[in-house]
N, C-alpha and C. Protein backbone atom coordinates (compact mmCIF):
# COMPACT_ATOMS: atom_id res chain seq x y z
N MET A 1 76.39 202.55 172.61
CA MET A 1 76.78 201.46 174.01
C MET A 1 75.54 202.44 175.28
N ASP A 2 75.25 201.28 176.56
CA ASP A 2 75.08 201.78 177.59
C ASP A 2 75.69 202.26 178.54
N ILE A 3 75.24 202.86 179.17
CA ILE A 3 76.01 203.82 180.62
C ILE A 3 75.42 201.86 182.29
N ILE A 4 76.05 201.04 182.29
CA ILE A 4 76.51 200.32 183.64
C ILE A 4 76.04 200.53 184.86
N LYS A 5 74.45 200.52 185.24
CA LYS A 5 73.69 201.17 185.68
C LYS A 5 74.38 200.54 187.11
N VAL A 6 74.70 200.41 188.75
CA VAL A 6 75.22 199.78 189.39
C VAL A 6 73.85 199.82 190.83
N SER A 7 74.17 199.57 191.75
CA SER A 7 72.72 200.04 192.82
C SER A 7 73.74 198.87 194.25
N ALA A 8 72.73 199.52 195.26
CA ALA A 8 73.98 199.28 196.51
C ALA A 8 73.71 197.50 196.58
N ASN A 9 72.61 196.71 196.02
CA ASN A 9 72.53 195.35 195.59
C ASN A 9 72.98 194.44 194.43
N SER A 10 73.75 195.24 193.65
CA SER A 10 74.75 194.24 192.89
C SER A 10 75.99 193.21 193.26
N ARG A 11 76.20 192.40 192.52
CA ARG A 11 76.97 191.96 192.95
C ARG A 11 78.12 192.76 191.86
N THR A 12 79.51 192.44 192.79
CA THR A 12 80.87 193.09 192.35
C THR A 12 81.14 192.63 190.69
N SER A 13 81.21 191.42 191.51
CA SER A 13 82.39 190.66 189.85
C SER A 13 81.00 190.78 189.51
N ALA A 14 80.12 190.43 188.77
CA ALA A 14 78.89 191.10 187.97
C ALA A 14 79.26 192.20 187.20
N VAL A 15 79.50 192.87 187.91
CA VAL A 15 79.81 194.55 187.77
C VAL A 15 80.98 195.10 186.61
N ALA A 16 81.89 193.98 187.49
CA ALA A 16 83.19 194.04 187.11
C ALA A 16 83.51 193.46 185.88
N GLY A 17 83.09 192.05 185.56
CA GLY A 17 82.76 191.80 184.31
C GLY A 17 82.61 192.74 183.64
N ALA A 18 80.93 193.16 183.93
CA ALA A 18 80.27 193.97 182.51
C ALA A 18 81.27 195.05 181.77
N ILE A 19 82.25 195.50 182.64
CA ILE A 19 82.64 196.54 182.84
C ILE A 19 84.35 195.95 181.58
N ALA A 20 84.41 195.13 182.43
CA ALA A 20 86.44 194.72 181.40
C ALA A 20 84.94 193.99 179.75
N GLY A 21 84.18 194.05 179.84
CA GLY A 21 83.84 193.11 178.73
C GLY A 21 83.14 194.77 177.55
N VAL A 22 82.87 195.74 178.46
CA VAL A 22 82.89 196.76 177.57
C VAL A 22 83.88 197.15 177.11
N MET A 23 84.94 197.36 178.16
CA MET A 23 86.23 197.86 177.54
C MET A 23 87.18 197.62 176.42
N ARG A 24 86.63 195.84 176.79
CA ARG A 24 87.55 195.14 175.81
C ARG A 24 87.28 195.80 174.44
N GLU A 25 85.86 195.43 174.08
CA GLU A 25 84.51 195.73 172.86
C GLU A 25 84.95 197.39 172.28
N HIS A 26 84.83 198.25 173.83
CA HIS A 26 84.34 199.62 172.90
C HIS A 26 85.77 200.69 173.66
N LYS A 27 86.77 200.34 174.43
CA LYS A 27 87.54 201.08 174.65
C LYS A 27 87.28 201.86 175.37
N HIS A 28 85.90 201.92 176.12
CA HIS A 28 84.88 203.53 177.12
C HIS A 28 84.27 202.59 177.88
N ALA A 29 84.16 202.91 178.91
CA ALA A 29 82.75 202.32 179.32
C ALA A 29 82.25 203.85 180.88
N GLU A 30 80.93 203.86 181.01
CA GLU A 30 80.37 204.57 181.89
C GLU A 30 79.82 203.48 182.90
N VAL A 31 79.91 203.89 183.82
CA VAL A 31 79.42 203.70 185.05
C VAL A 31 78.76 204.30 185.61
N GLN A 32 77.36 204.20 186.44
CA GLN A 32 76.56 205.27 186.74
C GLN A 32 76.02 204.72 188.50
N ALA A 33 75.75 205.53 189.34
CA ALA A 33 75.74 205.13 190.72
C ALA A 33 74.93 205.99 191.56
N ILE A 34 73.92 205.76 192.10
CA ILE A 34 72.65 206.44 192.29
C ILE A 34 72.95 206.17 194.60
N GLY A 35 73.78 207.28 195.08
CA GLY A 35 73.72 206.78 196.54
C GLY A 35 75.17 206.07 197.31
N ALA A 36 75.45 206.05 198.46
CA ALA A 36 76.81 205.79 199.12
C ALA A 36 77.05 204.13 198.59
N GLY A 37 75.71 203.15 198.89
CA GLY A 37 75.78 202.06 198.88
C GLY A 37 76.43 201.86 197.20
N ALA A 38 75.37 202.48 196.29
CA ALA A 38 75.83 201.43 195.19
C ALA A 38 77.48 202.04 194.57
N VAL A 39 77.46 203.35 195.01
CA VAL A 39 78.91 204.02 194.88
C VAL A 39 80.11 203.31 195.17
N ASN A 40 80.21 202.80 196.11
CA ASN A 40 81.33 201.91 197.15
C ASN A 40 80.34 200.12 196.14
N GLN A 41 79.83 200.09 195.01
CA GLN A 41 80.07 198.20 194.77
C GLN A 41 80.89 199.11 193.69
N ALA A 42 80.17 199.97 192.42
CA ALA A 42 80.79 200.32 191.65
C ALA A 42 82.23 200.67 192.06
N VAL A 43 82.63 200.92 193.14
CA VAL A 43 84.42 201.42 193.02
C VAL A 43 84.74 200.45 193.26
N LYS A 44 84.26 199.08 193.75
CA LYS A 44 84.63 198.17 194.37
C LYS A 44 85.12 197.28 192.65
N ALA A 45 83.88 197.20 191.85
CA ALA A 45 83.67 196.52 191.07
C ALA A 45 84.69 197.13 190.32
N LEU A 46 84.81 198.75 190.96
CA LEU A 46 86.16 199.27 189.11
C LEU A 46 87.69 198.17 189.47
N VAL A 47 87.94 198.38 190.21
CA VAL A 47 89.17 197.82 191.07
C VAL A 47 89.46 196.50 190.08
N LEU A 48 87.88 195.41 190.40
CA LEU A 48 88.13 194.32 190.13
C LEU A 48 88.45 194.14 188.92
N ALA A 49 87.72 195.25 187.88
CA ALA A 49 88.25 195.24 186.77
C ALA A 49 89.22 195.94 185.92
N THR A 50 90.15 196.82 186.62
CA THR A 50 91.09 197.23 186.41
C THR A 50 91.87 196.22 186.26
N SER A 51 91.96 194.66 187.38
CA SER A 51 92.48 193.82 187.44
C SER A 51 92.51 192.87 186.00
N TYR A 52 91.21 192.59 185.86
CA TYR A 52 91.22 191.57 184.69
C TYR A 52 91.96 192.09 183.65
N LEU A 53 92.08 193.84 183.55
CA LEU A 53 92.15 193.96 182.24
C LEU A 53 93.45 194.20 182.14
N LYS A 54 94.42 194.25 183.54
CA LYS A 54 96.06 194.68 183.27
C LYS A 54 96.37 193.20 182.89
N ASN A 55 95.12 192.13 183.90
CA ASN A 55 95.78 190.53 183.10
C ASN A 55 96.27 190.47 180.97
N ASP A 56 94.95 191.26 180.80
CA ASP A 56 94.84 191.69 179.26
C ASP A 56 96.08 192.64 178.39
N GLY A 57 96.48 193.09 179.95
CA GLY A 57 97.41 193.87 179.33
C GLY A 57 96.44 195.77 178.51
N MET A 58 96.00 196.03 179.21
CA MET A 58 95.27 197.31 179.05
C MET A 58 95.41 197.98 180.53
N ASP A 59 95.80 198.57 180.39
CA ASP A 59 96.30 199.64 181.96
C ASP A 59 94.75 200.87 181.25
N VAL A 60 94.10 201.26 182.70
CA VAL A 60 92.64 202.17 182.48
C VAL A 60 92.77 203.23 183.44
N VAL A 61 92.40 204.29 182.96
CA VAL A 61 92.07 205.29 184.82
C VAL A 61 90.18 205.75 184.54
N CYS A 62 90.31 206.12 185.65
CA CYS A 62 88.88 206.46 185.96
C CYS A 62 88.39 207.74 185.33
N VAL A 63 87.49 208.86 185.40
CA VAL A 63 87.20 210.21 185.73
C VAL A 63 86.08 209.92 186.21
N PRO A 64 85.97 210.60 187.52
CA PRO A 64 84.45 210.85 187.81
C PRO A 64 83.76 211.81 187.99
N GLU A 65 82.16 211.88 187.44
CA GLU A 65 81.47 213.38 187.00
C GLU A 65 80.15 213.35 188.03
N PHE A 66 79.61 214.39 188.86
CA PHE A 66 78.45 214.33 188.88
C PHE A 66 78.06 214.47 188.00
N VAL A 67 76.25 213.42 187.67
CA VAL A 67 75.47 214.10 186.71
C VAL A 67 73.96 213.68 187.43
N ASP A 68 73.56 214.65 186.69
CA ASP A 68 71.81 214.76 186.71
C ASP A 68 70.80 213.77 186.29
N VAL A 69 70.25 212.94 186.61
CA VAL A 69 69.34 212.01 185.97
C VAL A 69 67.92 212.61 186.82
N GLU A 70 66.87 211.68 185.97
CA GLU A 70 66.00 211.56 186.36
C GLU A 70 64.82 210.67 186.25
N ILE A 71 64.75 210.48 187.91
CA ILE A 71 64.10 208.81 187.46
C ILE A 71 62.91 208.81 188.48
N GLU A 72 61.48 208.67 187.61
CA GLU A 72 60.30 208.91 188.51
C GLU A 72 59.95 210.58 188.18
N ASP A 73 60.20 210.93 187.33
CA ASP A 73 60.42 213.07 188.10
C ASP A 73 60.74 213.56 188.47
N LYS A 74 61.58 212.55 189.45
CA LYS A 74 62.03 214.08 189.56
C LYS A 74 64.25 213.49 189.91
N VAL A 75 64.62 214.72 189.87
CA VAL A 75 66.10 215.27 189.40
C VAL A 75 67.10 214.36 190.83
N ARG A 76 67.75 213.39 190.12
CA ARG A 76 68.93 213.17 191.12
C ARG A 76 70.46 212.83 190.73
N THR A 77 71.11 213.31 191.66
CA THR A 77 72.26 213.44 191.26
C THR A 77 72.70 212.19 191.80
N ALA A 78 73.65 211.30 190.46
CA ALA A 78 74.92 210.04 190.00
C ALA A 78 76.07 210.37 190.59
N ILE A 79 77.00 209.46 190.77
CA ILE A 79 77.57 209.78 190.16
C ILE A 79 78.42 208.35 189.02
N LYS A 80 79.37 209.13 188.04
CA LYS A 80 79.54 208.87 186.47
C LYS A 80 80.77 208.34 186.64
N LEU A 81 81.33 207.06 186.58
CA LEU A 81 82.90 207.47 186.10
C LEU A 81 82.91 206.42 185.09
N VAL A 82 83.69 207.33 184.69
CA VAL A 82 84.21 207.23 183.11
C VAL A 82 85.44 206.77 183.04
N ILE A 83 85.12 205.66 182.16
CA ILE A 83 86.50 204.38 182.49
C ILE A 83 87.16 204.76 181.21
N GLU A 84 88.80 204.66 180.64
CA GLU A 84 88.84 204.99 179.62
C GLU A 84 91.02 204.66 179.59
N PRO A 85 91.16 204.06 178.95
CA PRO A 85 92.37 203.31 178.71
C PRO A 85 93.45 204.32 178.58
N ARG A 86 94.80 203.78 179.52
CA ARG A 86 95.39 205.24 179.78
C ARG A 86 96.45 205.90 178.66
N ASN A 87 96.60 204.54 177.66
CA ASN A 87 97.60 204.83 176.84
C ASN A 87 96.36 204.95 175.50
N PRO A 88 94.93 205.78 175.34
CA PRO A 88 94.82 205.49 174.41
C PRO A 88 95.13 204.99 172.37
N ASN A 89 97.17 205.71 172.38
CA ASN A 89 97.20 205.18 171.35
C ASN A 89 99.01 204.82 171.75
N PRO A 90 98.98 203.88 171.90
CA PRO A 90 100.17 202.77 172.76
C PRO A 90 101.12 203.34 171.25
């Protein structure tokens, strides 16, 4: 499973659809964002995806964490949103 990478210019609805699709298929998704604008888009997409998934009967939780990412030989700190079902064993 790939990490969903979000930029400040990402379309919220497209990212939300990606999150919902990955959750439906794998029951686990990871979203990565670097910078305030990207984190803003990621969180808005997560809220939208949560409502999509709730309509499908899936309630999710998100655990944010810091992660170091190497980009062009520089280490940057990213926010990773780990999304999982609230009750994995209903």
